[in-house]
C-alpha atoms as a PDB file:
ATOM      1  CA  MET A   1      11.079 -11.457  -1.015  1.00  0.00           C
ATOM      2  CA  LEU A   2       9.201 -10.254  -4.060  1.00  0.00           C
ATOM      3  CA  GLY A   3       7.868 -12.702  -6.605  1.00  0.00           C
ATOM      4  CA  GLY A   4       8.320 -12.364 -10.361  1.00  0.00           C
ATOM      5  CA  SER A   5       4.991 -10.650 -10.980  1.00  0.00           C
ATOM      6  CA  SER A   6       5.628  -8.172  -8.167  1.00  0.00           C
ATOM      7  CA  ILE A   7       8.982  -7.167  -9.620  1.00  0.00           C
ATOM      8  CA  VAL A   8       7.415  -6.688 -13.052  1.00  0.00           C
ATOM      9  CA  ILE A   9       4.682  -4.479 -11.578  1.00  0.00           C
ATOM     10  CA  LEU A  10       7.266  -2.500  -9.616  1.00  0.00           C
ATOM     11  CA  LEU A  11       9.387  -1.906 -12.719  1.00  0.00           C
ATOM     12  CA  ILE A  12       6.367  -0.952 -14.847  1.00  0.00           C
ATOM     13  CA  GLY A  13       5.195   1.429 -12.125  1.00  0.00           C
ATOM     14  CA  LEU A  14       8.612   3.069 -11.901  1.00  0.00           C
ATOM     15  CA  ALA A  15       8.763   3.388 -15.687  1.00  0.00           C
ATOM     16  CA  LEU A  16       5.324   5.042 -15.717  1.00  0.00           C
ATOM     17  CA  LEU A  17       6.402   7.482 -13.015  1.00  0.00           C
ATOM     18  CA  PHE A  18       9.360   8.577 -15.128  1.00  0.00           C
ATOM     19  CA  MET A  19       7.521   8.564 -18.470  1.00  0.00           C
ATOM     20  CA  LEU A  20       4.542  10.564 -17.178  1.00  0.00           C
ATOM     21  CA  ARG A  21       6.872  12.824 -15.195  1.00  0.00           C
ATOM     22  CA  LEU A  22       4.895  12.276 -12.015  1.00  0.00           C
ATOM     23  CA  PRO A  23       6.493  13.278  -8.732  1.00  0.00           C
ATOM     24  CA  ILE A  24       8.572  10.379  -7.454  1.00  0.00           C
ATOM     25  CA  TRP A  25       7.656  11.122  -3.864  1.00  0.00           C
ATOM     26  CA  PRO A  26       4.978  10.153  -2.729  1.00  0.00           C
ATOM     27  CA  MET A  27       3.921   8.237  -5.872  1.00  0.00           C
ATOM     28  CA  ILE A  28       6.624   5.645  -5.221  1.00  0.00           C
ATOM     29  CA  LEU A  29       4.601   4.618  -2.145  1.00  0.00           C
ATOM     30  CA  ILE A  30       1.627   3.784  -4.359  1.00  0.00           C
ATOM     31  CA  VAL A  31       3.788   1.735  -6.740  1.00  0.00           C
ATOM     32  CA  VAL A  32       5.338  -0.188  -3.844  1.00  0.00           C
ATOM     33  CA  GLY A  33       1.867  -0.685  -2.324  1.00  0.00           C
ATOM     34  CA  ILE A  34       0.484  -2.226  -5.515  1.00  0.00           C
ATOM     35  CA  SER A  35       3.551  -4.433  -5.909  1.00  0.00           C
ATOM     36  CA  THR A  36       3.375  -5.586  -2.292  1.00  0.00           C
ATOM     37  CA  PHE A  37      -0.342  -6.300  -2.569  1.00  0.00           C
ATOM     38  CA  VAL A  38       0.182  -8.478  -5.646  1.00  0.00           C
ATOM     39  CA  ASN A  39       3.021 -10.322  -3.910  1.00  0.00           C
ATOM     40  CA  GLU A  40       0.984 -11.011  -0.773  1.00  0.00           C
ATOM     41  CA  ALA A  41      -2.209 -11.893  -2.667  1.00  0.00           C
ATOM     42  CA  THR A  42      -0.438 -14.434  -4.861  1.00  0.00           C
ATOM     43  CA  ARG A  43       0.877 -16.111  -1.705  1.00  0.00           C
ATOM     44  CA  GLY A  44      -2.610 -16.320  -0.212  1.00  0.00           C
ATOM     45  CA  ARG A  45      -2.091 -13.553   2.353  1.00  0.00           C
ATOM     46  CA  LEU A  46      -4.754 -11.136   1.192  1.00  0.00           C
ATOM     47  CA  TYR A  47      -5.112  -9.301   4.509  1.00  0.00           C
ATOM     48  CA  ASN A  48      -1.361  -8.625   4.695  1.00  0.00           C
ATOM     49  CA  GLY A  49      -1.600  -7.149   1.214  1.00  0.00           C
ATOM     50  CA  LEU A  50      -4.616  -5.047   2.149  1.00  0.00           C
ATOM     51  CA  SER A  51      -2.798  -3.748   5.206  1.00  0.00           C
ATOM     52  CA  SER A  52       0.180  -2.744   3.070  1.00  0.00           C
ATOM     53  CA  VAL A  53      -2.059  -1.000   0.542  1.00  0.00           C
ATOM     54  CA  LEU A  54      -3.939   0.799   3.298  1.00  0.00           C
ATOM     55  CA  TRP A  55      -0.760   2.191   4.855  1.00  0.00           C
ATOM     56  CA  LEU A  56       1.203   2.974   1.703  1.00  0.00           C
ATOM     57  CA  PHE A  57      -1.717   4.595  -0.156  1.00  0.00           C
ATOM     58  CA  GLY A  58      -2.724   6.432   2.999  1.00  0.00           C
ATOM     59  CA  LEU A  59       0.779   7.761   3.593  1.00  0.00           C
ATOM     60  CA  ALA A  60       1.051   8.831  -0.051  1.00  0.00           C
ATOM     61  CA  MET A  61      -2.156  10.815   0.317  1.00  0.00           C
ATOM     62  CA  LEU A  62      -1.070  12.330   3.622  1.00  0.00           C
ATOM     63  CA  PHE A  63       2.315  13.402   2.254  1.00  0.00           C
ATOM     64  CA  THR A  64       0.484  15.022  -0.651  1.00  0.00           C
ATOM     65  CA  ILE A  65      -1.728  17.013   1.746  1.00  0.00           C
ATOM     66  CA  PRO A  66       0.591  17.759   4.707  1.00  0.00           C
ATOM     67  CA  ARG A  67      -1.993  19.622   6.806  1.00  0.00           C
ATOM     68  CA  LEU A  68      -3.897  16.346   7.199  1.00  0.00           C
ATOM     69  CA  LEU A  69      -0.851  14.399   8.392  1.00  0.00           C
ATOM     70  CA  PHE A  70      -1.658  14.053  12.110  1.00  0.00           C
ATOM     71  CA  PRO A  71      -5.419  13.386  11.821  1.00  0.00           C
ATOM     72  CA  GLY A  72      -4.731  11.170   8.820  1.00  0.00           C
ATOM     73  CA  LEU A  73      -2.289   9.047  10.802  1.00  0.00           C
ATOM     74  CA  LEU A  74      -4.928   8.551  13.469  1.00  0.00           C
ATOM     75  CA  ILE A  75      -7.419   7.483  10.817  1.00  0.00           C
ATOM     76  CA  LEU A  76      -4.883   5.058   9.317  1.00  0.00           C
ATOM     77  CA  ILE A  77      -4.256   3.536  12.734  1.00  0.00           C
ATOM     78  CA  ALA A  78      -8.008   3.157  13.306  1.00  0.00           C
ATOM     79  CA  LEU A  79      -8.521   1.553   9.881  1.00  0.00           C
ATOM     80  CA  SER A  80      -5.621  -0.793  10.530  1.00  0.00           C
ATOM     81  CA  ILE A  81      -7.212  -1.866  13.812  1.00  0.00           C
ATOM     82  CA  VAL A  82     -10.569  -2.423  12.069  1.00  0.00           C
ATOM     83  CA  LEU A  83      -8.851  -4.545   9.417  1.00  0.00           C
ATOM     84  CA  SER A  84      -7.129  -6.557  12.140  1.00  0.00           C
ATOM     85  CA  PHE A  85     -10.438  -7.133  13.968  1.00  0.00           C
ATOM     86  CA  ALA A  86     -12.089  -8.218  10.711  1.00  0.00           C
ATOM     87  CA  ARG A  87      -9.267 -10.657  10.101  1.00  0.00           C
ATOM     88  CA  ARG A  88      -9.656 -12.137  13.584  1.00  0.00           C
ATOM     89  CA  ALA A  89     -13.460 -12.286  13.313  1.00  0.00           C
ATOM     90  CA  LEU A  90     -13.166 -14.249  10.081  1.00  0.00           C
ATOM     91  CA  ARG A  91     -10.401 -16.384  11.652  1.00  0.00           C
ATOM     92  CA  ILE A  92      -8.018 -15.858   8.767  1.00  0.00           C
ATOM     93  CA  PRO A  93      -4.399 -16.765   9.608  1.00  0.00           C
END
C-alpha cells in the first residue's frame, strides 16, 4: 500500500506527464518507480526501493529502445542479482 508521500509524488508525476505532453508509455514506469522508491525508503526498505527503481527505469529505457530489449533484460537480471548479493553481504533484512 502506498503512503501519503508516494501518492502525492505519483499524482505530480502523472500531472507532469500530461502537462509536458510526454509519452505516457514508458514514462509511466519512471513515475511509478520514483513513487515506489519513496514508499519503500520511508519504510526503511531501501534495497526494495532500489530494486524497483532498477527494474522500472530499466524497462522504461528498454521499451524506448526496442532493439536493446533482450540484451537489456539480461543486464537487468545481472544487476538485480548483484544488488541481491550486496544486500546479503551487508546483512540487510
